[in-house]
Amino acid sequence: MCGRYYWKRKYDLDRKSFIEKCENPFEAPPNFNVAPTQEAPIIRIDPVDGKSELLLSHWGLIPSWAKDRKLSFKMINARSETAAVKPAFRGPFKKKRCLVPADGYYEWIMTENGKLPYAIYPSDEDTFYMAGLWDCWKSPEGLMVLSFTILTRAADPQVEHLHHRMPVILDDQTQEAWIDPNLQDPQELESLLDYTKPTDLRFHPISTLVNSVRNNGPELIEPRS
């Protein structure tokens, strides 16, 4: 799964060439401990004007038909293999897809000394883009809440000992196609989620400081001595 992640650079409009607009003003400062229910940047196609946009969204999908927010925490991830048919995800999978930028994510393994965290990141240490789904929910008070979930897949061999699932990471050739709402053919969408193409990932153990969402800073991703 992907239950925590981070980005270590300011995220803004200039980070991705095909983004056409963003919330004004928009500046997401570095966040080394993104946790469920927090606001985080996503890239999607605006259903009103059809332009690609960068904006903040609530992590934990709230389906448009939900009666309240209670489902949100259970919806931080969606299995990519079944998202197209699950009631909460099949609508967004068809035409409400997004990119979720990150520089790395965290996993924990059980040891004799308890659960110990690891940072996982691409070998080039560049920003990557996870496949996501978004939806918009109207609260009983009339507030519109934009939310998202991150798609996961079976982990690549080099990190499966840390966790058997990992986020779906899209390469440069598939990112724009993934968020295109005009692409709705299930087979074409499945082809974008190419599970046979491994991601060159690295990892190292880190401090248990990351266990608390109150801790947030570059020290969280420093290798544990």
C-alpha atoms as a PDB file:
ATOM      1  CA  MET A   1       0.000   0.000   0.000  1.00  0.00           C
ATOM      2  CA  CYS A   2       0.996   3.642   0.173  1.00  0.00           C
ATOM      3  CA  GLY A   3       0.014   5.160   3.507  1.00  0.00           C
ATOM      4  CA  ARG A   4       2.586   7.959   3.774  1.00  0.00           C
ATOM      5  CA  TYR A   5       4.722   9.779   1.217  1.00  0.00           C
ATOM      6  CA  TYR A   6       6.771  12.926   0.800  1.00  0.00           C
ATOM      7  CA  TRP A   7       7.979  15.592  -1.565  1.00  0.00           C
ATOM      8  CA  LYS A   8      11.141  17.462  -0.683  1.00  0.00           C
ATOM      9  CA  ARG A   9      10.915  20.462  -3.009  1.00  0.00           C
ATOM     10  CA  LYS A  10       8.347  23.212  -3.346  1.00  0.00           C
ATOM     11  CA  TYR A  11       5.696  22.050  -5.801  1.00  0.00           C
ATOM     12  CA  ASP A  12       4.246  24.670  -8.146  1.00  0.00           C
ATOM     13  CA  LEU A  13       3.006  25.315 -11.679  1.00  0.00           C
ATOM     14  CA  ASP A  14       6.473  25.112 -13.245  1.00  0.00           C
ATOM     15  CA  ARG A  15       7.094  21.512 -12.229  1.00  0.00           C
ATOM     16  CA  LYS A  16       5.191  19.890 -15.112  1.00  0.00           C
ATOM     17  CA  SER A  17       5.129  21.283 -18.653  1.00  0.00           C
ATOM     18  CA  PHE A  18       1.607  20.191 -19.584  1.00  0.00           C
ATOM     19  CA  ILE A  19      -0.121  21.863 -16.600  1.00  0.00           C
ATOM     20  CA  GLU A  20      -2.229  24.693 -18.012  1.00  0.00           C
ATOM     21  CA  LYS A  21      -3.504  26.344 -14.834  1.00  0.00           C
ATOM     22  CA  CYS A  22      -3.490  26.136 -11.058  1.00  0.00           C
ATOM     23  CA  GLU A  23      -5.187  27.467  -7.967  1.00  0.00           C
ATOM     24  CA  ASN A  24      -4.199  31.078  -7.526  1.00  0.00           C
ATOM     25  CA  PRO A  25      -2.058  31.513  -5.600  1.00  0.00           C
ATOM     26  CA  PHE A  26      -0.591  28.023  -5.429  1.00  0.00           C
ATOM     27  CA  GLU A  27       2.550  26.938  -3.673  1.00  0.00           C
ATOM     28  CA  ALA A  28       2.891  23.621  -1.902  1.00  0.00           C
ATOM     29  CA  PRO A  29       5.926  23.763   0.412  1.00  0.00           C
ATOM     30  CA  PRO A  30       8.030  20.638   1.016  1.00  0.00           C
ATOM     31  CA  ASN A  31       6.140  18.034   3.025  1.00  0.00           C
ATOM     32  CA  PHE A  32       8.149  15.119   4.389  1.00  0.00           C
ATOM     33  CA  ASN A  33       5.208  13.408   6.063  1.00  0.00           C
ATOM     34  CA  VAL A  34       2.069  13.474   3.919  1.00  0.00           C
ATOM     35  CA  ALA A  35      -0.602  11.526   5.782  1.00  0.00           C
ATOM     36  CA  PRO A  36      -4.205  10.513   5.036  1.00  0.00           C
ATOM     37  CA  THR A  37      -6.808  13.302   5.351  1.00  0.00           C
ATOM     38  CA  GLN A  38      -4.176  15.965   4.637  1.00  0.00           C
ATOM     39  CA  GLU A  39      -4.297  18.277   1.612  1.00  0.00           C
ATOM     40  CA  ALA A  40      -1.813  17.422  -1.140  1.00  0.00           C
ATOM     41  CA  PRO A  41      -1.239  18.458  -4.788  1.00  0.00           C
ATOM     42  CA  ILE A  42      -2.821  16.544  -7.633  1.00  0.00           C
ATOM     43  CA  ILE A  43      -2.928  17.130 -11.391  1.00  0.00           C
ATOM     44  CA  ARG A  44      -6.243  16.509 -13.168  1.00  0.00           C
ATOM     45  CA  ILE A  45      -8.348  17.738 -16.080  1.00  0.00           C
ATOM     46  CA  ASP A  46     -10.873  20.378 -15.007  1.00  0.00           C
ATOM     47  CA  PRO A  47     -14.283  18.969 -16.012  1.00  0.00           C
ATOM     48  CA  VAL A  48     -15.582  22.491 -16.668  1.00  0.00           C
ATOM     49  CA  ASP A  49     -13.061  23.867 -19.168  1.00  0.00           C
ATOM     50  CA  GLY A  50     -11.068  20.752 -20.095  1.00  0.00           C
ATOM     51  CA  LYS A  51      -7.710  22.228 -19.032  1.00  0.00           C
ATOM     52  CA  SER A  52      -5.078  20.394 -17.015  1.00  0.00           C
ATOM     53  CA  GLU A  53      -4.766  21.917 -13.567  1.00  0.00           C
ATOM     54  CA  LEU A  54      -2.692  21.695 -10.424  1.00  0.00           C
ATOM     55  CA  LEU A  55      -4.614  21.992  -7.163  1.00  0.00           C
ATOM     56  CA  LEU A  56      -4.796  20.768  -3.595  1.00  0.00           C
ATOM     57  CA  SER A  57      -7.015  17.829  -2.709  1.00  0.00           C
ATOM     58  CA  HIS A  58      -7.997  15.818   0.385  1.00  0.00           C
ATOM     59  CA  TRP A  59      -6.145  12.482   0.568  1.00  0.00           C
ATOM     60  CA  GLY A  60      -8.760   9.775   1.076  1.00  0.00           C
ATOM     61  CA  LEU A  61     -11.426   9.490  -1.591  1.00  0.00           C
ATOM     62  CA  ILE A  62     -14.958  10.467  -0.562  1.00  0.00           C
ATOM     63  CA  PRO A  63     -17.332   9.036  -3.198  1.00  0.00           C
ATOM     64  CA  SER A  64     -19.825  11.548  -4.569  1.00  0.00           C
ATOM     65  CA  TRP A  65     -22.678   9.369  -3.267  1.00  0.00           C
ATOM     66  CA  ALA A  66     -21.310   9.044   0.296  1.00  0.00           C
ATOM     67  CA  LYS A  67     -23.518  10.267   3.138  1.00  0.00           C
ATOM     68  CA  ASP A  68     -20.553  11.525   5.180  1.00  0.00           C
ATOM     69  CA  ARG A  69     -16.744  11.630   5.302  1.00  0.00           C
ATOM     70  CA  LYS A  70     -16.357   8.386   7.263  1.00  0.00           C
ATOM     71  CA  LEU A  71     -15.258   6.380   4.209  1.00  0.00           C
ATOM     72  CA  SER A  72     -12.341   8.720   3.529  1.00  0.00           C
ATOM     73  CA  PHE A  73      -9.661   7.076   5.674  1.00  0.00           C
ATOM     74  CA  LYS A  74     -10.456   3.659   4.184  1.00  0.00           C
ATOM     75  CA  MET A  75     -10.114   5.074   0.670  1.00  0.00           C
ATOM     76  CA  ILE A  76      -6.533   6.318   0.658  1.00  0.00           C
ATOM     77  CA  ASN A  77      -5.545   3.488  -1.727  1.00  0.00           C
ATOM     78  CA  ALA A  78      -7.348   1.565  -4.458  1.00  0.00           C
ATOM     79  CA  ARG A  79      -6.176  -1.732  -5.921  1.00  0.00           C
ATOM     80  CA  SER A  80      -5.481  -1.026  -9.585  1.00  0.00           C
ATOM     81  CA  GLU A  81      -6.488  -4.561 -10.556  1.00  0.00           C
ATOM     82  CA  THR A  82     -10.088  -4.073  -9.335  1.00  0.00           C
ATOM     83  CA  ALA A  83     -10.669  -0.299  -9.278  1.00  0.00           C
ATOM     84  CA  ALA A  84     -12.591  -0.391 -12.572  1.00  0.00           C
ATOM     85  CA  VAL A  85     -15.356  -2.511 -11.024  1.00  0.00           C
ATOM     86  CA  LYS A  86     -15.485  -1.451  -7.365  1.00  0.00           C
ATOM     87  CA  PRO A  87     -18.509   0.783  -6.587  1.00  0.00           C
ATOM     88  CA  ALA A  88     -16.453   3.565  -4.974  1.00  0.00           C
ATOM     89  CA  PHE A  89     -13.851   3.678  -7.745  1.00  0.00           C
ATOM     90  CA  ARG A  90     -15.409   2.572 -11.038  1.00  0.00           C
ATOM     91  CA  GLY A  91     -16.849   6.013 -11.864  1.00  0.00           C
ATOM     92  CA  PRO A  92     -13.600   7.894 -11.163  1.00  0.00           C
ATOM     93  CA  PHE A  93     -11.586   5.155 -12.923  1.00  0.00           C
ATOM     94  CA  LYS A  94     -13.584   5.817 -16.067  1.00  0.00           C
ATOM     95  CA  LYS A  95     -13.105   9.580 -16.325  1.00  0.00           C
ATOM     96  CA  LYS A  96     -11.812  11.165 -13.067  1.00  0.00           C
ATOM     97  CA  ARG A  97      -8.156  10.178 -13.019  1.00  0.00           C
ATOM     98  CA  CYS A  98      -5.277  12.226 -11.667  1.00  0.00           C
ATOM     99  CA  LEU A  99      -1.539  12.306 -11.050  1.00  0.00           C
ATOM    100  CA  VAL A 100      -0.162  12.501  -7.516  1.00  0.00           C
ATOM    101  CA  PRO A 101       3.388  13.944  -7.396  1.00  0.00           C
ATOM    102  CA  ALA A 102       5.892  12.615  -4.856  1.00  0.00           C
ATOM    103  CA  ASP A 103       9.617  12.267  -4.270  1.00  0.00           C
ATOM    104  CA  GLY A 104       9.313   9.080  -2.214  1.00  0.00           C
ATOM    105  CA  TYR A 105       7.074   7.034   0.027  1.00  0.00           C
ATOM    106  CA  TYR A 106       7.370   5.123   3.284  1.00  0.00           C
ATOM    107  CA  GLU A 107       6.859   1.539   4.371  1.00  0.00           C
ATOM    108  CA  TRP A 108       7.363  -0.241   7.696  1.00  0.00           C
ATOM    109  CA  ILE A 109       8.661  -3.748   8.347  1.00  0.00           C
ATOM    110  CA  MET A 110       8.247  -5.798  11.507  1.00  0.00           C
ATOM    111  CA  THR A 111      11.491  -6.649  13.325  1.00  0.00           C
ATOM    112  CA  GLU A 112      12.495  -7.895  16.768  1.00  0.00           C
ATOM    113  CA  ASN A 113      12.643  -4.250  17.800  1.00  0.00           C
ATOM    114  CA  GLY A 114       9.182  -3.396  16.475  1.00  0.00           C
ATOM    115  CA  LYS A 115       8.094  -1.791  13.217  1.00  0.00           C
ATOM    116  CA  LEU A 116      10.920   0.091  11.510  1.00  0.00           C
ATOM    117  CA  PRO A 117      10.342   2.588   8.670  1.00  0.00           C
ATOM    118  CA  TYR A 118      12.031   2.798   5.270  1.00  0.00           C
ATOM    119  CA  ALA A 119      12.104   5.556   2.663  1.00  0.00           C
ATOM    120  CA  ILE A 120      11.590   4.328  -0.910  1.00  0.00           C
ATOM    121  CA  TYR A 121      12.411   6.540  -3.890  1.00  0.00           C
ATOM    122  CA  PRO A 122      13.581   6.432  -7.553  1.00  0.00           C
ATOM    123  CA  SER A 123      17.283   5.923  -8.143  1.00  0.00           C
ATOM    124  CA  ASP A 124      17.546   9.336  -9.856  1.00  0.00           C
ATOM    125  CA  GLU A 125      15.822  10.915  -6.808  1.00  0.00           C
ATOM    126  CA  ASP A 126      13.565  12.913  -9.134  1.00  0.00           C
ATOM    127  CA  THR A 127       9.878  13.639  -8.628  1.00  0.00           C
ATOM    128  CA  PHE A 128       7.623  10.820  -9.824  1.00  0.00           C
ATOM    129  CA  TYR A 129       3.898  10.652 -10.484  1.00  0.00           C
ATOM    130  CA  MET A 130       1.546   8.109  -8.961  1.00  0.00           C
ATOM    131  CA  ALA A 131      -1.685   7.140 -10.685  1.00  0.00           C
ATOM    132  CA  GLY A 132      -4.686   8.400  -8.766  1.00  0.00           C
ATOM    133  CA  LEU A 133      -8.444   8.828  -8.921  1.00  0.00           C
ATOM    134  CA  TRP A 134     -10.421  11.854  -7.767  1.00  0.00           C
ATOM    135  CA  ASP A 135     -14.013  12.631  -6.905  1.00  0.00           C
ATOM    136  CA  CYS A 136     -16.006  15.571  -5.598  1.00  0.00           C
ATOM    137  CA  TRP A 137     -18.372  15.244  -2.633  1.00  0.00           C
ATOM    138  CA  LYS A 138     -20.940  17.729  -1.354  1.00  0.00           C
ATOM    139  CA  SER A 139     -21.206  17.916   2.433  1.00  0.00           C
ATOM    140  CA  PRO A 140     -24.556  18.342   4.211  1.00  0.00           C
ATOM    141  CA  GLU A 141     -23.570  22.003   4.724  1.00  0.00           C
ATOM    142  CA  GLY A 142     -23.117  22.441   0.964  1.00  0.00           C
ATOM    143  CA  LEU A 143     -19.300  22.457   0.991  1.00  0.00           C
ATOM    144  CA  MET A 144     -17.696  20.851  -2.076  1.00  0.00           C
ATOM    145  CA  VAL A 145     -14.755  18.599  -1.116  1.00  0.00           C
ATOM    146  CA  LEU A 146     -12.283  17.398  -3.743  1.00  0.00           C
ATOM    147  CA  SER A 147     -10.572  14.162  -2.707  1.00  0.00           C
ATOM    148  CA  PHE A 148      -8.274  11.523  -4.187  1.00  0.00           C
ATOM    149  CA  THR A 149      -6.943   8.002  -3.793  1.00  0.00           C
ATOM    150  CA  ILE A 150      -3.668   6.431  -4.938  1.00  0.00           C
ATOM    151  CA  LEU A 151      -3.709   3.289  -7.083  1.00  0.00           C
ATOM    152  CA  THR A 152      -1.514   0.405  -5.931  1.00  0.00           C
ATOM    153  CA  ARG A 153      -0.124  -2.724  -7.575  1.00  0.00           C
ATOM    154  CA  ALA A 154       1.942  -5.762  -6.677  1.00  0.00           C
ATOM    155  CA  ALA A 155       5.385  -4.598  -5.565  1.00  0.00           C
ATOM    156  CA  ASP A 156       8.461  -4.908  -7.739  1.00  0.00           C
ATOM    157  CA  PRO A 157      10.939  -7.583  -6.604  1.00  0.00           C
ATOM    158  CA  GLN A 158      13.465  -5.118  -5.173  1.00  0.00           C
ATOM    159  CA  VAL A 159      10.974  -3.723  -2.635  1.00  0.00           C
ATOM    160  CA  GLU A 160       8.484  -6.546  -2.080  1.00  0.00           C
ATOM    161  CA  HIS A 161      10.246  -7.568   1.151  1.00  0.00           C
ATOM    162  CA  LEU A 162       9.237  -4.157   2.544  1.00  0.00           C
ATOM    163  CA  HIS A 163       5.596  -4.502   1.479  1.00  0.00           C
ATOM    164  CA  HIS A 164       3.792  -6.660  -1.065  1.00  0.00           C
ATOM    165  CA  ARG A 165       2.065  -3.590  -2.582  1.00  0.00           C
ATOM    166  CA  MET A 166       3.433  -0.345  -4.021  1.00  0.00           C
ATOM    167  CA  PRO A 167       1.941   2.721  -5.723  1.00  0.00           C
ATOM    168  CA  VAL A 168       1.420   2.635  -9.483  1.00  0.00           C
ATOM    169  CA  ILE A 169       4.137   4.940 -10.844  1.00  0.00           C
ATOM    170  CA  LEU A 170       3.514   6.295 -14.350  1.00  0.00           C
ATOM    171  CA  ASP A 171       6.334   7.090 -16.763  1.00  0.00           C
ATOM    172  CA  ASP A 172       6.583  10.265 -18.854  1.00  0.00           C
ATOM    173  CA  GLN A 173       4.912   8.600 -21.848  1.00  0.00           C
ATOM    174  CA  THR A 174       1.696   7.693 -20.001  1.00  0.00           C
ATOM    175  CA  GLN A 175       1.054  10.600 -17.623  1.00  0.00           C
ATOM    176  CA  GLU A 176      -0.944  12.843 -19.949  1.00  0.00           C
ATOM    177  CA  ALA A 177      -2.942   9.921 -21.323  1.00  0.00           C
ATOM    178  CA  TRP A 178      -3.832   8.766 -17.812  1.00  0.00           C
ATOM    179  CA  ILE A 179      -5.581  12.026 -16.904  1.00  0.00           C
ATOM    180  CA  ASP A 180      -7.358  12.376 -20.273  1.00  0.00           C
ATOM    181  CA  PRO A 181     -11.103  11.923 -19.486  1.00  0.00           C
ATOM    182  CA  ASN A 182     -11.807  11.128 -23.143  1.00  0.00           C
ATOM    183  CA  LEU A 183      -9.859   7.904 -22.767  1.00  0.00           C
ATOM    184  CA  GLN A 184     -12.399   5.483 -21.299  1.00  0.00           C
ATOM    185  CA  ASP A 185     -11.666   2.148 -22.956  1.00  0.00           C
ATOM    186  CA  PRO A 186     -10.877  -0.342 -20.149  1.00  0.00           C
ATOM    187  CA  GLN A 187      -8.216  -2.177 -22.133  1.00  0.00           C
ATOM    188  CA  GLU A 188      -6.423   1.038 -23.062  1.00  0.00           C
ATOM    189  CA  LEU A 189      -6.506   2.204 -19.471  1.00  0.00           C
ATOM    190  CA  GLU A 190      -5.133  -1.145 -18.302  1.00  0.00           C
ATOM    191  CA  SER A 191      -2.302  -0.829 -20.823  1.00  0.00           C
ATOM    192  CA  LEU A 192      -1.226   2.430 -19.168  1.00  0.00           C
ATOM    193  CA  LEU A 193      -0.874   0.558 -15.868  1.00  0.00           C
ATOM    194  CA  ASP A 194       1.920  -1.644 -17.201  1.00  0.00           C
ATOM    195  CA  TYR A 195       2.846  -3.966 -14.341  1.00  0.00           C
ATOM    196  CA  THR A 196       5.635  -5.628 -16.343  1.00  0.00           C
ATOM    197  CA  LYS A 197       7.741  -2.460 -16.444  1.00  0.00           C
ATOM    198  CA  PRO A 198       9.783  -2.253 -13.222  1.00  0.00           C
ATOM    199  CA  THR A 199      10.584   1.070 -11.566  1.00  0.00           C
ATOM    200  CA  ASP A 200      14.227   1.577 -10.600  1.00  0.00           C
ATOM    201  CA  LEU A 201      13.720   2.108  -6.882  1.00  0.00           C
ATOM    202  CA  ARG A 202      16.126   2.539  -3.996  1.00  0.00           C
ATOM    203  CA  PHE A 203      15.431   2.409  -0.257  1.00  0.00           C
ATOM    204  CA  HIS A 204      17.092   2.873   3.115  1.00  0.00           C
ATOM    205  CA  PRO A 205      16.056   2.630   6.785  1.00  0.00           C
ATOM    206  CA  ILE A 206      15.092   5.877   8.496  1.00  0.00           C
ATOM    207  CA  SER A 207      14.303   7.181  11.962  1.00  0.00           C
ATOM    208  CA  THR A 208      11.046   6.336  13.725  1.00  0.00           C
ATOM    209  CA  LEU A 209      10.428  10.096  13.874  1.00  0.00           C
ATOM    210  CA  VAL A 210       8.307   9.578  10.754  1.00  0.00           C
ATOM    211  CA  ASN A 211       5.843   7.526  12.813  1.00  0.00           C
ATOM    212  CA  SER A 212       4.278  10.727  14.160  1.00  0.00           C
ATOM    213  CA  VAL A 213       2.582  13.043  11.667  1.00  0.00           C
ATOM    214  CA  ARG A 214       3.588  15.927  13.931  1.00  0.00           C
ATOM    215  CA  ASN A 215       7.182  15.478  12.750  1.00  0.00           C
ATOM    216  CA  ASN A 216       7.951  17.020   9.389  1.00  0.00           C
ATOM    217  CA  GLY A 217      11.368  17.908   7.995  1.00  0.00           C
ATOM    218  CA  PRO A 218      14.279  16.626   5.893  1.00  0.00           C
ATOM    219  CA  GLU A 219      15.640  14.703   8.885  1.00  0.00           C
ATOM    220  CA  LEU A 220      12.813  12.192   8.355  1.00  0.00           C
ATOM    221  CA  ILE A 221      14.428  10.796   5.198  1.00  0.00           C
ATOM    222  CA  GLU A 222      18.004  10.716   6.486  1.00  0.00           C
ATOM    223  CA  PRO A 223      19.447   7.169   6.636  1.00  0.00           C
ATOM    224  CA  ARG A 224      19.179   5.583  10.064  1.00  0.00           C
ATOM    225  CA  SER A 225      22.601   4.969  11.602  1.00  0.00           C
END
